[in-house]
Amino acid sequence: MKNRIDYKWYNKNWFKKMAPVYDYVEFLLINLRKKVSNKVNNPNAKILDVACGTGNQSIAFAKNGFSVIGIDLSSDMLKYAKKKIKKTYDLKFVCCDATRIPYKKSSFDISSISFGLHDMPEEIGIKILKEMKRTTKKNGNIIIVDYYTPRERLASLLGHKIVK
């Protein structure tokens, strides 16, 4: 993938195929998602969950009573996420491009991305991290949960500096 257009094509086509089976491995991550959600110590936190996929991290936050907006580029993944929403959750899902998050500066106490950066081209990952920084309040937090091999360029940048 060389650019944003290739990534959008890949994202649309890959996750259209993966959406129906994506949650089959969720049992491996459920405890990690709970731990991440339990780390939030602001009971009134407004959270943006970027690249939310089928919504599992968004739902973990919402179960703890947080106000959550999950965003993803894949409408197919979001179809599955929306099926999981309970009326008691303060949660909504929005299909959008995270390189241009449609919210104002400093709109959220916390921005999170879980398992979304490792398969993105570096330029897109950097744009997304900058957008997360822009939409997160000055004293807010950015949560990144992912895996990588050290030779990947974006991953090595994460170890040194998140956003320039």
N, C-alpha and C. Protein backbone atom coordinates (compact mmCIF):
# COMPACT_ATOMS: atom_id res chain seq x y z
N MET A 1 0.85 -1.18 0.00
CA MET A 1 0.00 0.00 0.00
C MET A 1 0.89 1.23 0.00
N LYS A 2 0.67 2.05 -0.97
CA LYS A 2 1.53 3.22 -1.10
C LYS A 2 0.89 4.50 -0.63
N ASN A 3 -0.41 4.57 -0.58
CA ASN A 3 -1.04 5.85 -0.25
C ASN A 3 -2.42 5.64 0.34
N ARG A 4 -3.07 6.77 0.61
CA ARG A 4 -4.38 6.76 1.24
C ARG A 4 -5.42 6.03 0.39
N ILE A 5 -5.37 6.19 -0.94
CA ILE A 5 -6.36 5.55 -1.81
C ILE A 5 -6.21 4.04 -1.74
N ASP A 6 -4.97 3.54 -1.80
CA ASP A 6 -4.74 2.10 -1.69
C ASP A 6 -5.25 1.59 -0.34
N TYR A 7 -4.98 2.34 0.72
CA TYR A 7 -5.40 1.91 2.05
C TYR A 7 -6.91 1.89 2.17
N LYS A 8 -7.57 2.89 1.63
CA LYS A 8 -9.04 2.91 1.68
C LYS A 8 -9.61 1.73 0.91
N TRP A 9 -9.03 1.41 -0.24
CA TRP A 9 -9.50 0.26 -1.02
C TRP A 9 -9.28 -1.02 -0.21
N TYR A 10 -8.08 -1.17 0.33
CA TYR A 10 -7.76 -2.34 1.14
C TYR A 10 -8.71 -2.45 2.32
N ASN A 11 -8.89 -1.35 3.04
CA ASN A 11 -9.74 -1.34 4.22
C ASN A 11 -11.16 -1.77 3.87
N LYS A 12 -11.71 -1.18 2.83
CA LYS A 12 -13.08 -1.49 2.44
C LYS A 12 -13.23 -2.96 2.06
N ASN A 13 -12.32 -3.46 1.25
CA ASN A 13 -12.44 -4.83 0.76
C ASN A 13 -12.05 -5.89 1.78
N TRP A 14 -10.98 -5.65 2.51
CA TRP A 14 -10.54 -6.62 3.52
C TRP A 14 -11.56 -6.74 4.65
N PHE A 15 -11.99 -5.61 5.19
CA PHE A 15 -12.89 -5.67 6.34
C PHE A 15 -14.32 -6.03 5.95
N LYS A 16 -14.66 -5.88 4.69
CA LYS A 16 -15.97 -6.39 4.23
C LYS A 16 -15.98 -7.92 4.37
N LYS A 17 -14.85 -8.54 4.05
CA LYS A 17 -14.73 -10.00 4.18
C LYS A 17 -14.58 -10.42 5.65
N MET A 18 -13.85 -9.62 6.42
CA MET A 18 -13.53 -10.00 7.79
C MET A 18 -14.64 -9.70 8.80
N ALA A 19 -15.49 -8.73 8.51
CA ALA A 19 -16.50 -8.29 9.48
C ALA A 19 -17.31 -9.45 10.07
N PRO A 20 -17.80 -10.39 9.25
CA PRO A 20 -18.63 -11.46 9.83
C PRO A 20 -17.89 -12.39 10.79
N VAL A 21 -16.57 -12.49 10.66
CA VAL A 21 -15.81 -13.43 11.50
C VAL A 21 -14.85 -12.74 12.46
N TYR A 22 -14.79 -11.44 12.41
CA TYR A 22 -13.80 -10.68 13.18
C TYR A 22 -13.87 -10.96 14.68
N ASP A 23 -15.05 -11.11 15.21
CA ASP A 23 -15.21 -11.29 16.66
C ASP A 23 -14.94 -12.72 17.14
N TYR A 24 -14.64 -13.64 16.24
CA TYR A 24 -14.36 -15.01 16.67
C TYR A 24 -13.14 -15.11 17.59
N VAL A 25 -12.22 -14.17 17.49
CA VAL A 25 -11.03 -14.19 18.36
C VAL A 25 -11.13 -13.19 19.51
N GLU A 26 -12.27 -12.56 19.65
CA GLU A 26 -12.43 -11.54 20.69
C GLU A 26 -12.21 -12.11 22.09
N PHE A 27 -12.52 -13.37 22.30
CA PHE A 27 -12.33 -13.96 23.62
C PHE A 27 -10.86 -13.86 24.08
N LEU A 28 -9.94 -13.75 23.13
CA LEU A 28 -8.53 -13.60 23.47
C LEU A 28 -8.20 -12.20 24.00
N LEU A 29 -9.05 -11.24 23.70
CA LEU A 29 -8.77 -9.84 24.03
C LEU A 29 -9.69 -9.25 25.09
N ILE A 30 -10.71 -9.97 25.50
CA ILE A 30 -11.73 -9.39 26.37
C ILE A 30 -11.14 -8.87 27.69
N ASN A 31 -10.21 -9.61 28.29
CA ASN A 31 -9.62 -9.16 29.55
C ASN A 31 -8.75 -7.93 29.35
N LEU A 32 -8.03 -7.88 28.24
CA LEU A 32 -7.21 -6.70 27.94
C LEU A 32 -8.10 -5.48 27.75
N ARG A 33 -9.20 -5.63 27.05
CA ARG A 33 -10.12 -4.51 26.83
C ARG A 33 -10.69 -4.01 28.16
N LYS A 34 -11.02 -4.93 29.06
CA LYS A 34 -11.51 -4.53 30.39
C LYS A 34 -10.43 -3.77 31.16
N LYS A 35 -9.19 -4.25 31.11
CA LYS A 35 -8.10 -3.58 31.81
C LYS A 35 -7.90 -2.16 31.29
N VAL A 36 -7.94 -2.01 29.98
CA VAL A 36 -7.79 -0.68 29.38
C VAL A 36 -8.90 0.24 29.87
N SER A 37 -10.13 -0.25 29.84
CA SER A 37 -11.27 0.55 30.28
C SER A 37 -11.19 0.90 31.76
N ASN A 38 -10.72 -0.04 32.56
CA ASN A 38 -10.62 0.19 34.00
C ASN A 38 -9.52 1.18 34.38
N LYS A 39 -8.60 1.46 33.47
CA LYS A 39 -7.53 2.44 33.72
C LYS A 39 -8.05 3.88 33.68
N VAL A 40 -9.20 4.09 33.08
CA VAL A 40 -9.77 5.44 32.98
C VAL A 40 -10.29 5.84 34.35
N ASN A 41 -9.75 6.93 34.90
CA ASN A 41 -10.13 7.32 36.26
C ASN A 41 -10.99 8.57 36.32
N ASN A 42 -11.47 9.03 35.19
CA ASN A 42 -12.39 10.18 35.15
C ASN A 42 -13.79 9.64 34.87
N PRO A 43 -14.67 9.61 35.88
CA PRO A 43 -16.00 9.01 35.68
C PRO A 43 -16.85 9.73 34.64
N ASN A 44 -16.50 10.97 34.31
CA ASN A 44 -17.26 11.73 33.32
C ASN A 44 -16.56 11.81 31.97
N ALA A 45 -15.60 10.93 31.74
CA ALA A 45 -14.79 11.00 30.53
C ALA A 45 -15.62 10.83 29.27
N LYS A 46 -15.30 11.68 28.31
CA LYS A 46 -15.84 11.55 26.96
C LYS A 46 -14.71 10.95 26.12
N ILE A 47 -14.98 9.78 25.52
CA ILE A 47 -13.93 9.00 24.88
C ILE A 47 -14.20 8.85 23.38
N LEU A 48 -13.14 9.04 22.59
CA LEU A 48 -13.17 8.76 21.16
C LEU A 48 -12.39 7.49 20.93
N ASP A 49 -13.03 6.48 20.36
CA ASP A 49 -12.37 5.21 20.05
C ASP A 49 -12.16 5.15 18.54
N VAL A 50 -10.92 5.31 18.11
CA VAL A 50 -10.55 5.40 16.70
C VAL A 50 -10.27 4.00 16.14
N ALA A 51 -10.69 3.78 14.90
CA ALA A 51 -10.53 2.48 14.24
C ALA A 51 -11.19 1.40 15.11
N CYS A 52 -12.41 1.67 15.53
CA CYS A 52 -13.10 0.84 16.52
C CYS A 52 -13.56 -0.51 15.99
N GLY A 53 -13.57 -0.70 14.68
CA GLY A 53 -13.95 -1.99 14.12
C GLY A 53 -15.35 -2.41 14.54
N THR A 54 -15.46 -3.59 15.11
CA THR A 54 -16.77 -4.10 15.54
C THR A 54 -17.15 -3.61 16.93
N GLY A 55 -16.40 -2.64 17.44
CA GLY A 55 -16.82 -1.91 18.63
C GLY A 55 -16.48 -2.49 19.98
N ASN A 56 -15.62 -3.48 20.03
CA ASN A 56 -15.39 -4.15 21.31
C ASN A 56 -14.75 -3.26 22.38
N GLN A 57 -13.76 -2.44 22.01
CA GLN A 57 -13.17 -1.54 23.01
C GLN A 57 -14.16 -0.43 23.37
N SER A 58 -14.89 0.07 22.38
CA SER A 58 -15.91 1.10 22.64
C SER A 58 -16.92 0.59 23.66
N ILE A 59 -17.35 -0.64 23.48
CA ILE A 59 -18.35 -1.23 24.37
C ILE A 59 -17.76 -1.43 25.77
N ALA A 60 -16.50 -1.84 25.86
CA ALA A 60 -15.86 -1.98 27.17
C ALA A 60 -15.86 -0.65 27.91
N PHE A 61 -15.58 0.45 27.20
CA PHE A 61 -15.64 1.77 27.82
C PHE A 61 -17.07 2.10 28.24
N ALA A 62 -18.02 1.87 27.35
CA ALA A 62 -19.43 2.20 27.62
C ALA A 62 -19.98 1.41 28.80
N LYS A 63 -19.57 0.16 28.95
CA LYS A 63 -20.01 -0.65 30.08
C LYS A 63 -19.58 -0.04 31.41
N ASN A 64 -18.48 0.71 31.39
CA ASN A 64 -18.01 1.39 32.60
C ASN A 64 -18.65 2.76 32.78
N GLY A 65 -19.62 3.08 31.95
CA GLY A 65 -20.38 4.31 32.12
C GLY A 65 -19.85 5.53 31.41
N PHE A 66 -18.85 5.36 30.57
CA PHE A 66 -18.28 6.50 29.86
C PHE A 66 -19.10 6.84 28.62
N SER A 67 -19.03 8.10 28.22
CA SER A 67 -19.64 8.56 26.97
C SER A 67 -18.64 8.27 25.85
N VAL A 68 -19.05 7.48 24.86
CA VAL A 68 -18.11 6.98 23.86
C VAL A 68 -18.62 7.21 22.45
N ILE A 69 -17.71 7.64 21.59
CA ILE A 69 -17.96 7.67 20.15
C ILE A 69 -16.90 6.80 19.51
N GLY A 70 -17.33 5.77 18.79
CA GLY A 70 -16.42 4.91 18.06
C GLY A 70 -16.45 5.29 16.59
N ILE A 71 -15.28 5.45 15.99
CA ILE A 71 -15.23 5.78 14.57
C ILE A 71 -14.43 4.71 13.82
N ASP A 72 -14.84 4.46 12.58
CA ASP A 72 -14.14 3.49 11.75
C ASP A 72 -14.40 3.81 10.29
N LEU A 73 -13.46 3.46 9.44
CA LEU A 73 -13.58 3.67 8.01
C LEU A 73 -14.47 2.62 7.35
N SER A 74 -14.63 1.47 8.01
CA SER A 74 -15.39 0.36 7.43
C SER A 74 -16.84 0.35 7.90
N SER A 75 -17.74 0.63 6.99
CA SER A 75 -19.17 0.57 7.33
C SER A 75 -19.59 -0.86 7.63
N ASP A 76 -18.92 -1.84 7.03
CA ASP A 76 -19.24 -3.25 7.31
C ASP A 76 -18.91 -3.62 8.75
N MET A 77 -17.77 -3.17 9.24
CA MET A 77 -17.42 -3.45 10.64
C MET A 77 -18.39 -2.75 11.58
N LEU A 78 -18.76 -1.53 11.24
CA LEU A 78 -19.68 -0.77 12.10
C LEU A 78 -21.08 -1.38 12.14
N LYS A 79 -21.49 -2.06 11.08
CA LYS A 79 -22.79 -2.76 11.11
C LYS A 79 -22.82 -3.75 12.27
N TYR A 80 -21.72 -4.47 12.44
CA TYR A 80 -21.64 -5.45 13.53
C TYR A 80 -21.53 -4.75 14.88
N ALA A 81 -20.81 -3.65 14.93
CA ALA A 81 -20.70 -2.88 16.18
C ALA A 81 -22.07 -2.39 16.64
N LYS A 82 -22.83 -1.85 15.72
CA LYS A 82 -24.14 -1.27 16.07
C LYS A 82 -25.11 -2.31 16.59
N LYS A 83 -24.97 -3.55 16.17
CA LYS A 83 -25.85 -4.62 16.65
C LYS A 83 -25.63 -4.92 18.13
N LYS A 84 -24.48 -4.53 18.66
CA LYS A 84 -24.12 -4.84 20.05
C LYS A 84 -24.52 -3.75 21.04
N ILE A 85 -24.96 -2.61 20.56
CA ILE A 85 -25.27 -1.48 21.45
C ILE A 85 -26.48 -1.80 22.31
N LYS A 86 -26.35 -1.55 23.61
CA LYS A 86 -27.49 -1.66 24.52
C LYS A 86 -28.00 -0.26 24.78
N LYS A 87 -29.29 -0.14 25.01
CA LYS A 87 -29.91 1.18 25.21
C LYS A 87 -29.32 1.93 26.39
N THR A 88 -28.76 1.22 27.34
CA THR A 88 -28.20 1.88 28.52
C THR A 88 -26.83 2.51 28.25
N TYR A 89 -26.21 2.17 27.14
CA TYR A 89 -24.89 2.71 26.83
C TYR A 89 -24.99 4.11 26.26
N ASP A 90 -24.06 4.97 26.66
CA ASP A 90 -23.90 6.29 26.04
C ASP A 90 -22.84 6.10 24.95
N LEU A 91 -23.27 5.54 23.83
CA LEU A 91 -22.35 5.08 22.80
C LEU A 91 -22.96 5.27 21.43
N LYS A 92 -22.15 5.78 20.51
CA LYS A 92 -22.59 5.81 19.11
C LYS A 92 -21.40 5.52 18.23
N PHE A 93 -21.69 5.03 17.03
CA PHE A 93 -20.67 4.69 16.06
C PHE A 93 -20.84 5.55 14.82
N VAL A 94 -19.71 6.01 14.29
CA VAL A 94 -19.71 6.92 13.14
C VAL A 94 -18.71 6.39 12.10
N CYS A 95 -19.15 6.30 10.86
CA CYS A 95 -18.27 5.90 9.77
C CYS A 95 -17.57 7.15 9.23
N CYS A 96 -16.26 7.19 9.38
CA CYS A 96 -15.50 8.34 8.88
C CYS A 96 -14.03 7.97 8.73
N ASP A 97 -13.31 8.84 8.08
CA ASP A 97 -11.87 8.69 7.86
C ASP A 97 -11.14 9.32 9.05
N ALA A 98 -10.39 8.53 9.78
CA ALA A 98 -9.72 9.02 10.99
C ALA A 98 -8.55 9.96 10.69
N THR A 99 -8.18 10.10 9.41
CA THR A 99 -7.17 11.11 9.09
C THR A 99 -7.79 12.50 9.04
N ARG A 100 -9.13 12.53 9.10
CA ARG A 100 -9.87 13.80 9.16
C ARG A 100 -11.06 13.60 10.12
N ILE A 101 -10.76 13.52 11.38
CA ILE A 101 -11.79 13.26 12.39
C ILE A 101 -12.75 14.45 12.43
N PRO A 102 -14.06 14.18 12.31
CA PRO A 102 -15.04 15.27 12.18
C PRO A 102 -15.49 15.90 13.50
N TYR A 103 -14.55 16.09 14.42
CA TYR A 103 -14.87 16.72 15.69
C TYR A 103 -13.90 17.86 15.94
N LYS A 104 -14.36 18.82 16.73
CA LYS A 104 -13.56 20.01 17.02
C LYS A 104 -12.35 19.69 17.89
N LYS A 105 -11.41 20.60 17.87
CA LYS A 105 -10.23 20.51 18.71
C LYS A 105 -10.65 20.37 20.18
N SER A 106 -9.96 19.51 20.89
CA SER A 106 -10.17 19.31 22.34
C SER A 106 -11.58 18.86 22.69
N SER A 107 -12.18 18.03 21.87
CA SER A 107 -13.54 17.54 22.11
C SER A 107 -13.61 16.39 23.11
N PHE A 108 -12.50 15.67 23.30
CA PHE A 108 -12.53 14.44 24.09
C PHE A 108 -11.51 14.46 25.22
N ASP A 109 -11.86 13.80 26.31
CA ASP A 109 -10.93 13.64 27.43
C ASP A 109 -9.88 12.57 27.09
N ILE A 110 -10.33 11.58 26.34
CA ILE A 110 -9.47 10.45 25.99
C ILE A 110 -9.73 10.07 24.54
N SER A 111 -8.64 9.77 23.83
CA SER A 111 -8.75 9.14 22.51
C SER A 111 -8.01 7.82 22.59
N SER A 112 -8.58 6.80 21.97
CA SER A 112 -7.97 5.48 22.05
C SER A 112 -7.96 4.84 20.66
N ILE A 113 -6.97 4.02 20.43
CA ILE A 113 -6.92 3.20 19.22
C ILE A 113 -6.37 1.84 19.63
N SER A 114 -7.09 0.79 19.30
CA SER A 114 -6.70 -0.56 19.68
C SER A 114 -6.53 -1.43 18.44
N PHE A 115 -5.34 -1.92 18.25
CA PHE A 115 -5.04 -2.85 17.16
C PHE A 115 -5.39 -2.28 15.78
N GLY A 116 -5.15 -0.99 15.62
CA GLY A 116 -5.45 -0.35 14.34
C GLY A 116 -4.22 0.15 13.61
N LEU A 117 -3.15 0.44 14.31
CA LEU A 117 -1.99 1.06 13.67
C LEU A 117 -1.08 0.09 12.93
N HIS A 118 -1.01 -1.14 13.37
CA HIS A 118 -0.01 -2.07 12.84
C HIS A 118 -0.16 -2.38 11.35
N ASP A 119 -1.36 -2.24 10.81
CA ASP A 119 -1.53 -2.58 9.39
C ASP A 119 -1.73 -1.36 8.50
N MET A 120 -1.44 -0.18 9.04
CA MET A 120 -1.61 1.05 8.26
C MET A 120 -0.28 1.50 7.66
N PRO A 121 -0.34 2.13 6.49
CA PRO A 121 0.86 2.79 5.99
C PRO A 121 1.28 3.88 6.98
N GLU A 122 2.58 4.09 7.09
CA GLU A 122 3.12 5.04 8.07
C GLU A 122 2.48 6.42 7.96
N GLU A 123 2.35 6.95 6.76
CA GLU A 123 1.81 8.31 6.61
C GLU A 123 0.39 8.41 7.14
N ILE A 124 -0.39 7.37 6.98
CA ILE A 124 -1.77 7.38 7.48
C ILE A 124 -1.78 7.27 9.00
N GLY A 125 -0.96 6.38 9.54
CA GLY A 125 -0.87 6.25 11.00
C GLY A 125 -0.48 7.56 11.67
N ILE A 126 0.48 8.25 11.09
CA ILE A 126 0.92 9.53 11.66
C ILE A 126 -0.20 10.56 11.59
N LYS A 127 -0.91 10.61 10.47
CA LYS A 127 -2.04 11.56 10.35
C LYS A 127 -3.11 11.26 11.39
N ILE A 128 -3.39 9.99 11.60
CA ILE A 128 -4.40 9.60 12.58
C ILE A 128 -3.96 10.00 13.99
N LEU A 129 -2.71 9.74 14.33
CA LEU A 129 -2.21 10.12 15.65
C LEU A 129 -2.28 11.63 15.86
N LYS A 130 -1.98 12.39 14.83
CA LYS A 130 -2.08 13.85 14.92
C LYS A 130 -3.53 14.28 15.12
N GLU A 131 -4.45 13.62 14.44
CA GLU A 131 -5.87 13.93 14.61
C GLU A 131 -6.34 13.56 16.02
N MET A 132 -5.85 12.45 16.53
CA MET A 132 -6.20 12.08 17.90
C MET A 132 -5.68 13.13 18.88
N LYS A 133 -4.47 13.60 18.66
CA LYS A 133 -3.92 14.65 19.51
C LYS A 133 -4.76 15.91 19.43
N ARG A 134 -5.16 16.28 18.22
CA ARG A 134 -5.95 17.50 18.01
C ARG A 134 -7.29 17.44 18.72
N THR A 135 -7.94 16.30 18.68
CA THR A 135 -9.29 16.19 19.24
C THR A 135 -9.30 15.85 20.73
N THR A 136 -8.13 15.59 21.31
CA THR A 136 -8.03 15.28 22.73
C THR A 136 -7.66 16.54 23.50
N LYS A 137 -8.33 16.74 24.63
CA LYS A 137 -8.07 17.91 25.48
C LYS A 137 -6.60 17.94 25.92
N LYS A 138 -6.13 19.14 26.22
CA LYS A 138 -4.72 19.35 26.56
C LYS A 138 -4.25 18.42 27.68
N ASN A 139 -5.01 18.26 28.72
CA ASN A 139 -4.62 17.39 29.83
C ASN A 139 -5.25 16.01 29.73
N GLY A 140 -5.74 15.67 28.54
CA GLY A 140 -6.35 14.37 28.31
C GLY A 140 -5.30 13.29 28.06
N ASN A 141 -5.78 12.13 27.69
CA ASN A 141 -4.90 10.99 27.45
C ASN A 141 -5.18 10.37 26.09
N ILE A 142 -4.12 9.85 25.49
CA ILE A 142 -4.24 9.06 24.27
C ILE A 142 -3.79 7.65 24.63
N ILE A 143 -4.67 6.69 24.38
CA ILE A 143 -4.39 5.29 24.69
C ILE A 143 -4.13 4.56 23.38
N ILE A 144 -2.99 3.87 23.31
CA ILE A 144 -2.64 3.08 22.14
C ILE A 144 -2.39 1.65 22.59
N VAL A 145 -3.16 0.71 22.04
CA VAL A 145 -2.97 -0.70 22.31
C VAL A 145 -2.74 -1.37 20.96
N ASP A 146 -1.58 -1.98 20.79
CA ASP A 146 -1.27 -2.60 19.50
C ASP A 146 -0.09 -3.53 19.66
N TYR A 147 0.28 -4.17 18.60
CA TYR A 147 1.48 -4.99 18.56
C TYR A 147 2.26 -4.61 17.32
N TYR A 148 3.53 -4.94 17.32
CA TYR A 148 4.36 -4.63 16.16
C TYR A 148 5.64 -5.45 16.20
N THR A 149 6.29 -5.50 15.06
CA THR A 149 7.64 -6.02 15.01
C THR A 149 8.56 -4.81 14.94
N PRO A 150 9.64 -4.79 15.68
CA PRO A 150 10.47 -3.60 15.79
C PRO A 150 10.97 -3.03 14.46
N ARG A 151 11.05 -3.84 13.43
CA ARG A 151 11.57 -3.31 12.16
C ARG A 151 10.56 -2.43 11.42
N GLU A 152 9.29 -2.45 11.84
CA GLU A 152 8.31 -1.60 11.17
C GLU A 152 8.56 -0.14 11.53
N ARG A 153 8.56 0.71 10.55
CA ARG A 153 8.91 2.13 10.73
C ARG A 153 7.96 2.84 11.69
N LEU A 154 6.64 2.74 11.48
CA LEU A 154 5.69 3.43 12.35
C LEU A 154 5.83 2.94 13.78
N ALA A 155 5.98 1.64 13.94
CA ALA A 155 6.10 1.09 15.29
C ALA A 155 7.35 1.62 15.98
N SER A 156 8.46 1.74 15.26
CA SER A 156 9.66 2.26 15.90
C SER A 156 9.50 3.73 16.26
N LEU A 157 8.73 4.47 15.47
CA LEU A 157 8.45 5.86 15.82
C LEU A 157 7.65 5.95 17.11
N LEU A 158 6.73 5.01 17.31
CA LEU A 158 5.91 5.03 18.52
C LEU A 158 6.77 4.90 19.77
N GLY A 159 7.85 4.17 19.66
CA GLY A 159 8.72 4.00 20.81
C GLY A 159 9.50 5.26 21.16
N HIS A 160 9.62 6.19 20.25
CA HIS A 160 10.43 7.39 20.48
C HIS A 160 9.61 8.66 20.59
N LYS A 161 8.70 8.84 19.69
CA LYS A 161 7.84 10.02 19.76
C LYS A 161 6.54 9.70 19.04
N ILE A 162 5.46 9.98 19.69
CA ILE A 162 4.15 9.66 19.14
C ILE A 162 3.75 10.66 18.08
N VAL A 163 3.73 11.91 18.44
CA VAL A 163 3.29 12.95 17.52
C VAL A 163 4.30 14.09 17.59
N LYS A 164 4.74 14.53 16.44
CA LYS A 164 5.70 15.65 16.40
C LYS A 164 5.04 16.93 16.85
